[in-house]
Every structure is written in C-alpha cells, then in structure tokens.
N, C-alpha and C. Protein backbone atom coordinates (compact mmCIF):
# COMPACT_ATOMS: atom_id res chain seq x y z
N MET A 1 0.86 -1.18 0.00
CA MET A 1 0.00 0.00 0.00
C MET A 1 0.90 1.24 0.00
N THR A 2 0.65 2.19 -0.89
CA THR A 2 1.45 3.42 -0.97
C THR A 2 1.08 4.35 0.16
N SER A 3 1.92 5.39 0.38
CA SER A 3 1.63 6.35 1.45
C SER A 3 0.34 7.12 1.15
N ALA A 4 0.08 7.40 -0.14
CA ALA A 4 -1.17 8.10 -0.50
C ALA A 4 -2.38 7.23 -0.18
N GLU A 5 -2.26 5.92 -0.44
CA GLU A 5 -3.37 5.01 -0.13
C GLU A 5 -3.57 4.89 1.37
N LEU A 6 -2.46 4.89 2.12
CA LEU A 6 -2.58 4.86 3.58
C LEU A 6 -3.29 6.11 4.09
N THR A 7 -2.92 7.27 3.51
CA THR A 7 -3.55 8.52 3.92
C THR A 7 -5.03 8.48 3.62
N LEU A 8 -5.39 8.03 2.41
CA LEU A 8 -6.80 7.94 2.05
C LEU A 8 -7.53 6.96 2.96
N ASP A 9 -6.90 5.82 3.23
CA ASP A 9 -7.52 4.81 4.07
C ASP A 9 -7.73 5.34 5.48
N ARG A 10 -6.73 6.05 6.02
CA ARG A 10 -6.84 6.61 7.36
C ARG A 10 -7.92 7.68 7.41
N THR A 11 -8.03 8.48 6.35
CA THR A 11 -9.04 9.53 6.30
C THR A 11 -10.44 8.95 6.33
N ARG A 12 -10.66 7.83 5.64
CA ARG A 12 -11.98 7.20 5.61
C ARG A 12 -12.41 6.74 7.01
N GLY A 13 -11.44 6.31 7.83
CA GLY A 13 -11.75 5.82 9.16
C GLY A 13 -11.93 6.92 10.19
N ASN A 14 -11.60 8.14 9.86
CA ASN A 14 -11.67 9.26 10.78
C ASN A 14 -12.73 10.23 10.28
N PRO A 15 -13.85 10.36 10.99
CA PRO A 15 -14.90 11.26 10.54
C PRO A 15 -14.55 12.74 10.69
N LEU A 16 -13.50 13.05 11.44
CA LEU A 16 -13.07 14.43 11.66
C LEU A 16 -12.00 14.80 10.63
N PRO A 17 -11.99 16.05 10.18
CA PRO A 17 -10.95 16.46 9.23
C PRO A 17 -9.58 16.51 9.90
N GLY A 18 -8.56 16.14 9.17
CA GLY A 18 -7.21 16.19 9.69
C GLY A 18 -6.86 14.96 10.51
N ASP A 19 -5.74 15.06 11.17
CA ASP A 19 -5.24 13.96 11.99
C ASP A 19 -6.03 13.87 13.30
N PHE A 20 -6.34 12.66 13.73
CA PHE A 20 -7.13 12.47 14.95
C PHE A 20 -6.44 13.06 16.17
N ALA A 21 -5.10 13.02 16.21
CA ALA A 21 -4.36 13.54 17.37
C ALA A 21 -4.63 15.02 17.60
N ILE A 22 -4.80 15.80 16.53
CA ILE A 22 -5.07 17.23 16.72
C ILE A 22 -6.40 17.43 17.42
N TRP A 23 -7.34 16.52 17.20
CA TRP A 23 -8.64 16.66 17.83
C TRP A 23 -8.57 16.40 19.33
N ILE A 24 -7.71 15.51 19.75
CA ILE A 24 -7.50 15.31 21.19
C ILE A 24 -6.98 16.61 21.79
N PHE A 25 -6.00 17.20 21.10
CA PHE A 25 -5.43 18.47 21.56
C PHE A 25 -6.48 19.58 21.55
N ILE A 26 -7.27 19.67 20.49
CA ILE A 26 -8.30 20.71 20.38
C ILE A 26 -9.32 20.57 21.50
N PHE A 27 -9.80 19.36 21.75
CA PHE A 27 -10.79 19.18 22.82
C PHE A 27 -10.19 19.50 24.19
N ALA A 28 -8.91 19.17 24.38
CA ALA A 28 -8.26 19.53 25.65
C ALA A 28 -8.17 21.04 25.80
N GLU A 29 -7.78 21.72 24.73
CA GLU A 29 -7.67 23.19 24.77
C GLU A 29 -9.04 23.84 24.99
N LEU A 30 -10.05 23.33 24.30
CA LEU A 30 -11.40 23.87 24.49
C LEU A 30 -11.86 23.66 25.93
N GLY A 31 -11.47 22.52 26.53
CA GLY A 31 -11.81 22.27 27.93
C GLY A 31 -11.16 23.29 28.86
N VAL A 32 -9.89 23.61 28.61
CA VAL A 32 -9.18 24.60 29.43
C VAL A 32 -9.84 25.97 29.28
N PHE A 33 -10.08 26.39 28.03
CA PHE A 33 -10.73 27.68 27.82
C PHE A 33 -12.12 27.69 28.44
N GLY A 34 -12.86 26.58 28.31
CA GLY A 34 -14.19 26.50 28.89
C GLY A 34 -14.17 26.70 30.40
N LEU A 35 -13.22 26.07 31.08
CA LEU A 35 -13.10 26.24 32.53
C LEU A 35 -12.76 27.70 32.88
N LEU A 36 -11.87 28.31 32.11
CA LEU A 36 -11.54 29.71 32.34
C LEU A 36 -12.74 30.62 32.12
N PHE A 37 -13.53 30.34 31.09
CA PHE A 37 -14.73 31.14 30.83
C PHE A 37 -15.75 31.00 31.96
N ILE A 38 -15.90 29.78 32.47
CA ILE A 38 -16.83 29.55 33.59
C ILE A 38 -16.34 30.29 34.84
N ALA A 39 -15.04 30.22 35.12
CA ALA A 39 -14.47 30.92 36.27
C ALA A 39 -14.69 32.43 36.12
N TYR A 40 -14.49 32.95 34.90
CA TYR A 40 -14.73 34.37 34.64
C TYR A 40 -16.18 34.73 34.93
N ALA A 41 -17.11 33.94 34.42
CA ALA A 41 -18.54 34.23 34.58
C ALA A 41 -18.95 34.22 36.06
N PHE A 42 -18.48 33.23 36.81
CA PHE A 42 -18.83 33.16 38.24
C PHE A 42 -18.21 34.31 39.02
N THR A 43 -16.97 34.63 38.71
CA THR A 43 -16.29 35.73 39.40
C THR A 43 -16.96 37.05 39.07
N ARG A 44 -17.32 37.23 37.81
CA ARG A 44 -18.00 38.44 37.38
C ARG A 44 -19.33 38.62 38.11
N ALA A 45 -20.06 37.53 38.28
CA ALA A 45 -21.36 37.58 38.97
C ALA A 45 -21.22 38.08 40.40
N GLY A 46 -20.04 37.87 41.00
CA GLY A 46 -19.80 38.32 42.36
C GLY A 46 -19.40 39.78 42.48
N ASP A 47 -19.04 40.42 41.37
CA ASP A 47 -18.62 41.83 41.40
C ASP A 47 -18.91 42.49 40.06
N VAL A 48 -20.19 42.56 39.72
CA VAL A 48 -20.62 43.06 38.41
C VAL A 48 -20.18 44.51 38.19
N GLU A 49 -20.27 45.34 39.21
CA GLU A 49 -19.91 46.75 39.05
C GLU A 49 -18.45 46.93 38.66
N LEU A 50 -17.55 46.22 39.35
CA LEU A 50 -16.13 46.32 39.02
C LEU A 50 -15.87 45.82 37.60
N PHE A 51 -16.47 44.70 37.24
CA PHE A 51 -16.26 44.14 35.91
C PHE A 51 -16.80 45.09 34.83
N ASN A 52 -17.99 45.65 35.04
CA ASN A 52 -18.55 46.59 34.05
C ASN A 52 -17.71 47.85 33.93
N ALA A 53 -17.26 48.39 35.07
CA ALA A 53 -16.45 49.62 35.03
C ALA A 53 -15.13 49.37 34.31
N SER A 54 -14.47 48.26 34.61
CA SER A 54 -13.19 47.95 33.96
C SER A 54 -13.39 47.61 32.49
N GLN A 55 -14.44 46.86 32.21
CA GLN A 55 -14.73 46.47 30.83
C GLN A 55 -14.99 47.70 29.95
N SER A 56 -15.60 48.72 30.51
CA SER A 56 -15.90 49.92 29.73
C SER A 56 -14.64 50.64 29.26
N LEU A 57 -13.50 50.33 29.87
CA LEU A 57 -12.24 50.96 29.49
C LEU A 57 -11.49 50.20 28.40
N LEU A 58 -12.04 49.06 27.98
CA LEU A 58 -11.41 48.30 26.89
C LEU A 58 -11.73 48.94 25.55
N ASP A 59 -10.87 48.72 24.59
CA ASP A 59 -11.08 49.23 23.23
C ASP A 59 -11.86 48.20 22.42
N ARG A 60 -13.17 48.39 22.38
CA ARG A 60 -14.03 47.44 21.65
C ARG A 60 -13.76 47.46 20.15
N ARG A 61 -13.34 48.61 19.63
CA ARG A 61 -13.03 48.67 18.19
C ARG A 61 -11.89 47.74 17.84
N SER A 62 -10.87 47.69 18.70
CA SER A 62 -9.75 46.76 18.47
C SER A 62 -10.24 45.32 18.50
N GLY A 63 -11.11 45.04 19.46
CA GLY A 63 -11.66 43.69 19.55
C GLY A 63 -12.49 43.34 18.34
N ALA A 64 -13.26 44.31 17.83
CA ALA A 64 -14.08 44.08 16.63
C ALA A 64 -13.20 43.88 15.40
N VAL A 65 -12.14 44.68 15.27
CA VAL A 65 -11.21 44.52 14.15
C VAL A 65 -10.59 43.13 14.19
N ASN A 66 -10.20 42.69 15.38
CA ASN A 66 -9.60 41.37 15.51
C ASN A 66 -10.60 40.26 15.22
N THR A 67 -11.86 40.48 15.57
CA THR A 67 -12.89 39.50 15.24
C THR A 67 -13.03 39.37 13.73
N LEU A 68 -13.09 40.50 13.03
CA LEU A 68 -13.18 40.46 11.57
C LEU A 68 -11.94 39.82 10.95
N ALA A 69 -10.77 40.12 11.52
CA ALA A 69 -9.52 39.53 10.99
C ALA A 69 -9.54 38.01 11.11
N LEU A 70 -9.98 37.50 12.26
CA LEU A 70 -9.97 36.05 12.45
C LEU A 70 -11.06 35.36 11.63
N ILE A 71 -12.23 35.99 11.52
CA ILE A 71 -13.29 35.40 10.68
C ILE A 71 -12.81 35.34 9.23
N THR A 72 -12.19 36.42 8.77
CA THR A 72 -11.66 36.45 7.40
C THR A 72 -10.58 35.39 7.21
N SER A 73 -9.72 35.26 8.21
CA SER A 73 -8.65 34.26 8.11
C SER A 73 -9.22 32.86 8.03
N SER A 74 -10.29 32.59 8.77
CA SER A 74 -10.92 31.27 8.71
C SER A 74 -11.50 31.00 7.33
N TYR A 75 -12.08 32.04 6.73
CA TYR A 75 -12.59 31.89 5.36
C TYR A 75 -11.45 31.53 4.41
N PHE A 76 -10.32 32.20 4.56
CA PHE A 76 -9.16 31.92 3.71
C PHE A 76 -8.66 30.49 3.90
N VAL A 77 -8.69 30.01 5.14
CA VAL A 77 -8.26 28.64 5.43
C VAL A 77 -9.23 27.63 4.79
N VAL A 78 -10.52 27.93 4.84
CA VAL A 78 -11.51 27.07 4.18
C VAL A 78 -11.22 27.00 2.68
N ARG A 79 -10.89 28.14 2.09
CA ARG A 79 -10.55 28.17 0.66
C ARG A 79 -9.29 27.35 0.37
N ALA A 80 -8.33 27.40 1.30
CA ALA A 80 -7.09 26.63 1.13
C ALA A 80 -7.39 25.13 1.12
N VAL A 81 -8.24 24.68 2.04
CA VAL A 81 -8.59 23.26 2.10
C VAL A 81 -9.33 22.86 0.82
N ALA A 82 -10.26 23.71 0.37
CA ALA A 82 -10.98 23.42 -0.88
C ALA A 82 -10.01 23.32 -2.06
N ALA A 83 -9.00 24.20 -2.08
CA ALA A 83 -8.03 24.21 -3.19
C ALA A 83 -7.22 22.92 -3.21
N ILE A 84 -6.75 22.48 -2.03
CA ILE A 84 -5.92 21.27 -2.03
C ILE A 84 -6.75 20.05 -2.39
N LYS A 85 -8.01 20.04 -2.06
CA LYS A 85 -8.87 18.91 -2.43
C LYS A 85 -9.12 18.86 -3.94
N ARG A 86 -8.89 20.01 -4.61
CA ARG A 86 -8.99 20.06 -6.07
C ARG A 86 -7.60 19.91 -6.71
N ASP A 87 -6.61 19.54 -5.89
CA ASP A 87 -5.25 19.32 -6.36
C ASP A 87 -4.57 20.60 -6.82
N ARG A 88 -4.87 21.69 -6.15
CA ARG A 88 -4.28 22.99 -6.50
C ARG A 88 -3.42 23.46 -5.33
N ALA A 89 -2.25 22.85 -5.19
CA ALA A 89 -1.37 23.10 -4.04
C ALA A 89 -0.88 24.55 -3.99
N ALA A 90 -0.54 25.13 -5.14
CA ALA A 90 -0.06 26.50 -5.15
C ALA A 90 -1.15 27.47 -4.69
N VAL A 91 -2.37 27.22 -5.13
CA VAL A 91 -3.50 28.07 -4.70
C VAL A 91 -3.74 27.89 -3.21
N CYS A 92 -3.66 26.65 -2.74
CA CYS A 92 -3.79 26.35 -1.32
C CYS A 92 -2.77 27.18 -0.52
N SER A 93 -1.53 27.17 -0.96
CA SER A 93 -0.48 27.90 -0.27
C SER A 93 -0.78 29.40 -0.23
N ARG A 94 -1.28 29.94 -1.34
CA ARG A 94 -1.60 31.38 -1.38
C ARG A 94 -2.73 31.74 -0.42
N TRP A 95 -3.75 30.88 -0.33
CA TRP A 95 -4.85 31.14 0.62
C TRP A 95 -4.32 31.09 2.06
N LEU A 96 -3.42 30.17 2.33
CA LEU A 96 -2.86 30.08 3.68
C LEU A 96 -2.01 31.31 4.01
N ILE A 97 -1.29 31.81 3.02
CA ILE A 97 -0.51 33.03 3.23
C ILE A 97 -1.44 34.21 3.50
N ALA A 98 -2.59 34.26 2.80
CA ALA A 98 -3.58 35.31 3.07
C ALA A 98 -4.11 35.18 4.49
N ALA A 99 -4.36 33.94 4.94
CA ALA A 99 -4.82 33.71 6.32
C ALA A 99 -3.76 34.19 7.31
N LEU A 100 -2.50 33.93 6.99
CA LEU A 100 -1.41 34.41 7.85
C LEU A 100 -1.39 35.94 7.92
N GLY A 101 -1.72 36.58 6.80
CA GLY A 101 -1.81 38.04 6.80
C GLY A 101 -2.86 38.54 7.78
N MET A 102 -4.01 37.87 7.80
CA MET A 102 -5.07 38.25 8.74
C MET A 102 -4.67 37.92 10.18
N GLY A 103 -3.94 36.83 10.36
CA GLY A 103 -3.41 36.51 11.68
C GLY A 103 -2.44 37.58 12.16
N THR A 104 -1.65 38.10 11.23
CA THR A 104 -0.71 39.17 11.56
C THR A 104 -1.45 40.43 11.97
N VAL A 105 -2.56 40.74 11.30
CA VAL A 105 -3.39 41.88 11.71
C VAL A 105 -3.82 41.69 13.16
N PHE A 106 -4.30 40.49 13.48
CA PHE A 106 -4.72 40.21 14.85
C PHE A 106 -3.57 40.46 15.84
N ILE A 107 -2.40 39.91 15.53
CA ILE A 107 -1.25 40.03 16.43
C ILE A 107 -0.86 41.49 16.63
N VAL A 108 -0.83 42.27 15.55
CA VAL A 108 -0.44 43.69 15.63
C VAL A 108 -1.44 44.46 16.48
N VAL A 109 -2.73 44.28 16.19
CA VAL A 109 -3.77 45.01 16.93
C VAL A 109 -3.76 44.61 18.40
N LYS A 110 -3.66 43.32 18.68
CA LYS A 110 -3.69 42.85 20.07
C LYS A 110 -2.43 43.30 20.81
N SER A 111 -1.28 43.30 20.13
CA SER A 111 -0.05 43.78 20.75
C SER A 111 -0.16 45.25 21.11
N ALA A 112 -0.75 46.04 20.22
CA ALA A 112 -0.95 47.46 20.50
C ALA A 112 -1.90 47.65 21.68
N GLU A 113 -2.91 46.81 21.76
CA GLU A 113 -3.86 46.88 22.88
C GLU A 113 -3.16 46.53 24.20
N PHE A 114 -2.34 45.48 24.19
CA PHE A 114 -1.58 45.12 25.39
C PHE A 114 -0.65 46.27 25.79
N TYR A 115 0.05 46.83 24.80
CA TYR A 115 0.99 47.92 25.08
C TYR A 115 0.27 49.10 25.72
N ALA A 116 -0.91 49.45 25.19
CA ALA A 116 -1.67 50.58 25.73
C ALA A 116 -2.05 50.31 27.19
N LYS A 117 -2.51 49.11 27.48
CA LYS A 117 -2.91 48.78 28.86
C LYS A 117 -1.70 48.78 29.79
N PHE A 118 -0.60 48.19 29.36
CA PHE A 118 0.60 48.16 30.21
C PHE A 118 1.13 49.57 30.43
N SER A 119 1.03 50.44 29.41
CA SER A 119 1.47 51.83 29.53
C SER A 119 0.63 52.60 30.55
N GLU A 120 -0.62 52.18 30.70
CA GLU A 120 -1.51 52.81 31.68
C GLU A 120 -1.28 52.25 33.09
N GLY A 121 -0.37 51.31 33.20
CA GLY A 121 -0.08 50.72 34.50
C GLY A 121 -0.97 49.54 34.86
N VAL A 122 -1.75 49.06 33.88
CA VAL A 122 -2.63 47.91 34.12
C VAL A 122 -1.79 46.64 34.14
N GLY A 123 -2.06 45.79 35.10
CA GLY A 123 -1.36 44.51 35.20
C GLY A 123 -2.29 43.46 35.79
N LEU A 124 -1.77 42.27 35.98
CA LEU A 124 -2.57 41.18 36.55
C LEU A 124 -3.09 41.52 37.94
N ASP A 125 -2.35 42.37 38.67
CA ASP A 125 -2.75 42.70 40.04
C ASP A 125 -3.61 43.96 40.13
N THR A 126 -3.99 44.56 38.99
CA THR A 126 -4.79 45.78 39.03
C THR A 126 -6.14 45.52 39.68
N ASN A 127 -6.86 44.55 39.18
CA ASN A 127 -8.11 44.09 39.80
C ASN A 127 -8.47 42.73 39.19
N THR A 128 -9.56 42.16 39.68
CA THR A 128 -9.94 40.81 39.24
C THR A 128 -10.29 40.78 37.76
N PHE A 129 -10.98 41.83 37.28
CA PHE A 129 -11.33 41.85 35.86
C PHE A 129 -10.08 41.80 35.00
N TYR A 130 -9.11 42.67 35.30
CA TYR A 130 -7.91 42.73 34.47
C TYR A 130 -7.06 41.45 34.59
N MET A 131 -7.14 40.80 35.74
CA MET A 131 -6.44 39.51 35.87
C MET A 131 -7.01 38.53 34.85
N PHE A 132 -8.36 38.47 34.76
CA PHE A 132 -8.98 37.58 33.79
C PHE A 132 -8.75 38.07 32.36
N TYR A 133 -8.93 39.36 32.13
CA TYR A 133 -8.77 39.92 30.78
C TYR A 133 -7.37 39.62 30.23
N LEU A 134 -6.35 39.92 31.02
CA LEU A 134 -4.98 39.71 30.54
C LEU A 134 -4.66 38.23 30.40
N SER A 135 -5.11 37.42 31.36
CA SER A 135 -4.83 35.98 31.29
C SER A 135 -5.51 35.34 30.09
N LEU A 136 -6.81 35.60 29.93
CA LEU A 136 -7.56 34.99 28.83
C LEU A 136 -7.05 35.45 27.47
N THR A 137 -6.88 36.75 27.32
CA THR A 137 -6.50 37.25 26.00
C THR A 137 -5.04 36.90 25.67
N PHE A 138 -4.17 36.86 26.69
CA PHE A 138 -2.78 36.48 26.39
C PHE A 138 -2.68 35.00 26.07
N PHE A 139 -3.44 34.18 26.78
CA PHE A 139 -3.46 32.75 26.50
C PHE A 139 -3.94 32.51 25.06
N HIS A 140 -4.97 33.23 24.67
CA HIS A 140 -5.46 33.12 23.29
C HIS A 140 -4.43 33.65 22.30
N TYR A 141 -3.82 34.78 22.62
CA TYR A 141 -2.79 35.41 21.79
C TYR A 141 -1.67 34.42 21.47
N MET A 142 -1.25 33.65 22.48
CA MET A 142 -0.21 32.66 22.26
C MET A 142 -0.70 31.53 21.34
N HIS A 143 -1.98 31.20 21.43
CA HIS A 143 -2.55 30.20 20.52
C HIS A 143 -2.58 30.71 19.08
N VAL A 144 -2.82 32.00 18.91
CA VAL A 144 -2.78 32.58 17.56
C VAL A 144 -1.37 32.46 17.00
N TRP A 145 -0.36 32.78 17.81
CA TRP A 145 1.04 32.63 17.37
C TRP A 145 1.32 31.19 16.95
N MET A 146 0.89 30.24 17.79
CA MET A 146 1.13 28.83 17.47
C MET A 146 0.41 28.45 16.18
N GLY A 147 -0.82 28.91 16.02
CA GLY A 147 -1.57 28.64 14.81
C GLY A 147 -0.90 29.21 13.57
N MET A 148 -0.30 30.38 13.72
CA MET A 148 0.39 30.99 12.58
C MET A 148 1.63 30.20 12.20
N VAL A 149 2.33 29.67 13.19
CA VAL A 149 3.49 28.83 12.89
C VAL A 149 3.03 27.57 12.13
N ILE A 150 1.95 26.97 12.60
CA ILE A 150 1.42 25.78 11.94
C ILE A 150 1.01 26.10 10.51
N LEU A 151 0.26 27.19 10.32
CA LEU A 151 -0.18 27.56 8.96
C LEU A 151 1.00 27.88 8.06
N ALA A 152 2.04 28.51 8.61
CA ALA A 152 3.22 28.84 7.80
C ALA A 152 3.91 27.57 7.32
N VAL A 153 4.03 26.59 8.20
CA VAL A 153 4.66 25.32 7.81
C VAL A 153 3.81 24.62 6.76
N VAL A 154 2.50 24.59 6.97
CA VAL A 154 1.60 23.94 6.00
C VAL A 154 1.65 24.67 4.66
N ALA A 155 1.67 26.00 4.67
CA ALA A 155 1.75 26.77 3.42
C ALA A 155 3.04 26.46 2.68
N TRP A 156 4.15 26.41 3.43
CA TRP A 156 5.44 26.09 2.80
C TRP A 156 5.41 24.69 2.20
N LYS A 157 4.89 23.73 2.96
CA LYS A 157 4.84 22.35 2.45
C LYS A 157 3.92 22.25 1.24
N ALA A 158 2.82 22.99 1.25
CA ALA A 158 1.92 22.98 0.09
C ALA A 158 2.64 23.55 -1.14
N ALA A 159 3.36 24.64 -0.93
CA ALA A 159 4.10 25.26 -2.04
C ALA A 159 5.18 24.34 -2.58
N GLN A 160 5.73 23.48 -1.72
CA GLN A 160 6.76 22.53 -2.14
C GLN A 160 6.19 21.26 -2.76
N GLY A 161 4.85 21.16 -2.79
CA GLY A 161 4.21 20.02 -3.41
C GLY A 161 4.05 18.80 -2.51
N HIS A 162 4.15 19.00 -1.20
CA HIS A 162 4.02 17.87 -0.27
C HIS A 162 2.57 17.41 -0.11
N TYR A 163 1.62 18.27 -0.46
CA TYR A 163 0.20 17.91 -0.34
C TYR A 163 -0.42 17.88 -1.73
N HIS A 164 -1.45 17.05 -1.86
CA HIS A 164 -2.23 16.99 -3.11
C HIS A 164 -3.60 16.44 -2.77
N ALA A 165 -4.45 16.29 -3.77
CA ALA A 165 -5.83 15.86 -3.55
C ALA A 165 -5.91 14.52 -2.83
N GLY A 166 -4.93 13.65 -3.04
CA GLY A 166 -4.96 12.34 -2.41
C GLY A 166 -4.30 12.29 -1.04
N ALA A 167 -3.60 13.35 -0.66
CA ALA A 167 -2.89 13.40 0.62
C ALA A 167 -2.89 14.83 1.13
N HIS A 168 -3.92 15.16 1.86
CA HIS A 168 -4.05 16.54 2.34
C HIS A 168 -4.38 16.61 3.83
N THR A 169 -4.11 15.52 4.56
CA THR A 169 -4.42 15.49 5.99
C THR A 169 -3.71 16.63 6.73
N GLY A 170 -2.49 16.93 6.36
CA GLY A 170 -1.74 18.01 7.02
C GLY A 170 -2.43 19.36 6.89
N VAL A 171 -3.00 19.63 5.72
CA VAL A 171 -3.71 20.90 5.51
C VAL A 171 -4.95 20.94 6.41
N GLU A 172 -5.70 19.84 6.43
CA GLU A 172 -6.90 19.80 7.26
C GLU A 172 -6.56 19.87 8.75
N THR A 173 -5.44 19.30 9.14
CA THR A 173 -5.02 19.35 10.54
C THR A 173 -4.72 20.78 10.96
N GLY A 174 -3.94 21.49 10.14
CA GLY A 174 -3.65 22.89 10.42
C GLY A 174 -4.90 23.74 10.42
N ALA A 175 -5.80 23.47 9.48
CA ALA A 175 -7.05 24.22 9.39
C ALA A 175 -7.91 23.99 10.62
N SER A 176 -7.96 22.76 11.10
CA SER A 176 -8.77 22.44 12.28
C SER A 176 -8.27 23.21 13.50
N TYR A 177 -6.95 23.25 13.67
CA TYR A 177 -6.40 24.00 14.80
C TYR A 177 -6.75 25.49 14.67
N TRP A 178 -6.59 26.03 13.47
CA TRP A 178 -6.85 27.46 13.27
C TRP A 178 -8.32 27.79 13.54
N HIS A 179 -9.22 26.92 13.13
CA HIS A 179 -10.64 27.17 13.38
C HIS A 179 -10.94 27.13 14.88
N MET A 180 -10.23 26.29 15.63
CA MET A 180 -10.41 26.26 17.08
C MET A 180 -9.99 27.60 17.69
N VAL A 181 -8.88 28.15 17.22
CA VAL A 181 -8.40 29.44 17.71
C VAL A 181 -9.46 30.51 17.44
N ASP A 182 -10.04 30.49 16.24
CA ASP A 182 -11.07 31.47 15.90
C ASP A 182 -12.32 31.29 16.74
N LEU A 183 -12.73 30.04 16.94
CA LEU A 183 -13.92 29.76 17.74
C LEU A 183 -13.76 30.30 19.16
N VAL A 184 -12.60 30.09 19.75
CA VAL A 184 -12.36 30.59 21.11
C VAL A 184 -12.49 32.11 21.15
N TRP A 185 -11.95 32.79 20.14
CA TRP A 185 -12.06 34.26 20.11
C TRP A 185 -13.52 34.69 19.97
N LEU A 186 -14.30 33.96 19.20
CA LEU A 186 -15.71 34.33 19.00
C LEU A 186 -16.51 34.19 20.29
N ILE A 187 -16.01 33.43 21.25
CA ILE A 187 -16.63 33.37 22.57
C ILE A 187 -15.99 34.41 23.49
N LEU A 188 -14.66 34.52 23.41
CA LEU A 188 -13.92 35.42 24.29
C LEU A 188 -14.29 36.88 24.06
N PHE A 189 -14.39 37.30 22.81
CA PHE A 189 -14.66 38.71 22.50
C PHE A 189 -15.96 39.21 23.13
N PRO A 190 -17.11 38.58 22.88
CA PRO A 190 -18.32 39.09 23.53
C PRO A 190 -18.31 38.92 25.04
N LEU A 191 -17.73 37.82 25.52
CA LEU A 191 -17.72 37.57 26.95
C LEU A 191 -16.94 38.65 27.71
N VAL A 192 -15.77 39.00 27.22
CA VAL A 192 -14.90 39.94 27.93
C VAL A 192 -15.10 41.39 27.51
N TYR A 193 -15.39 41.63 26.24
CA TYR A 193 -15.48 43.01 25.75
C TYR A 193 -16.91 43.58 25.71
N VAL A 194 -17.91 42.73 25.54
CA VAL A 194 -19.24 43.25 25.20
C VAL A 194 -20.30 42.99 26.27
N ILE A 195 -20.48 41.74 26.68
CA ILE A 195 -21.59 41.39 27.56
C ILE A 195 -21.45 42.07 28.91
N ARG A 196 -22.54 42.72 29.33
CA ARG A 196 -22.55 43.42 30.62
C ARG A 196 -23.68 42.90 31.48
C-alpha cells in the first residue's frame, strides 16, 4: 500500500478532518478555555460593578477589528482546504498566506492593545477583571502565534508540493487548529469586551 493510499484509508476511518491527534489536543484546549470562561462568569457575577467599570475601558473597536480579521482568516483557510482537495497546491499555499496576513493583523492590533494597557499601568494585580482579561487574551494570543506557525509550515509544504488531492491530511489538521483558535475568540470577545 502506498503512502497516498494509507492517507486515504486513514481519512476514511476518521470522521473528523485532519489527523485524529489534533482533535484530542483541540478538545483539551477547548476544555481549558471552557473552565476559564466559567471561572470568569462566576467571578463576574460576584462583582458586576467592578467588571462593568473595567470592561468599559477596553477598546471594543480593536476587539471588533480582531474578530473580523480572524473570521476572514478562517474563510481563507476554508478556501485553502478546498483548493488542495482540487489538487491545486499553489493556490492552497496562497490562501494560507492570506490567512497568515489576517493573523498578523490580529497580532499587531492585540499587541498594540496590550501595550496601551501596560502603559496605563494595568497589570494582573490591578483588579480581578484585568487579571482575567490579561490571562484569557494572552493565552489566546499565544494560541494565535502557534496557529500561525502551523499555517506557515503547512503553506510552505503545500508550495513545495508535499500535499495533493490524495494526501491533504496536514492541511486539514492545520485548518482544524486554526478554526479552534477562531472559535475561542468568538466566545472570548463578547464575553470579555461586550456582555454586561
């Protein structure tokens, strides 16, 4: 059996896109974020005034820009997966590079937001809201960085011809991780920036 046949055979046995191991990691990460979100919600319920007052000082426009950047990047990743399934590796690579561009927008905007808060003297010890805000958003920020590294490697490998219509598990694996990062932000943004 050739490696392409093994890949196809393995894909048929796995109902999830990409490698099964990434899904174990994704579910573990979603569990960690879920626990943090629950802790945030319970803590917020105990001091709504402090959370609302601190939340009102966040830059919602930056959060909205980052939401649009990640949604757009997910669209580009979907296009990349569709391209590789049509045996268009170069197009796949270009879509992934476009997704990386949107990831870079997120990183730049979020870095500027962190810088502004740190310049104001805000830190983990400022109050309970900022402890959660900085912890949650920085934890997510690091996941965006990791996702960008994964997408960059997948884009490079696609450009080198390592993936094709018969062997594209690596592209789907990277895409699955990136979509998890986006999903977490789509919960984090309204929870921390918007809901009062």
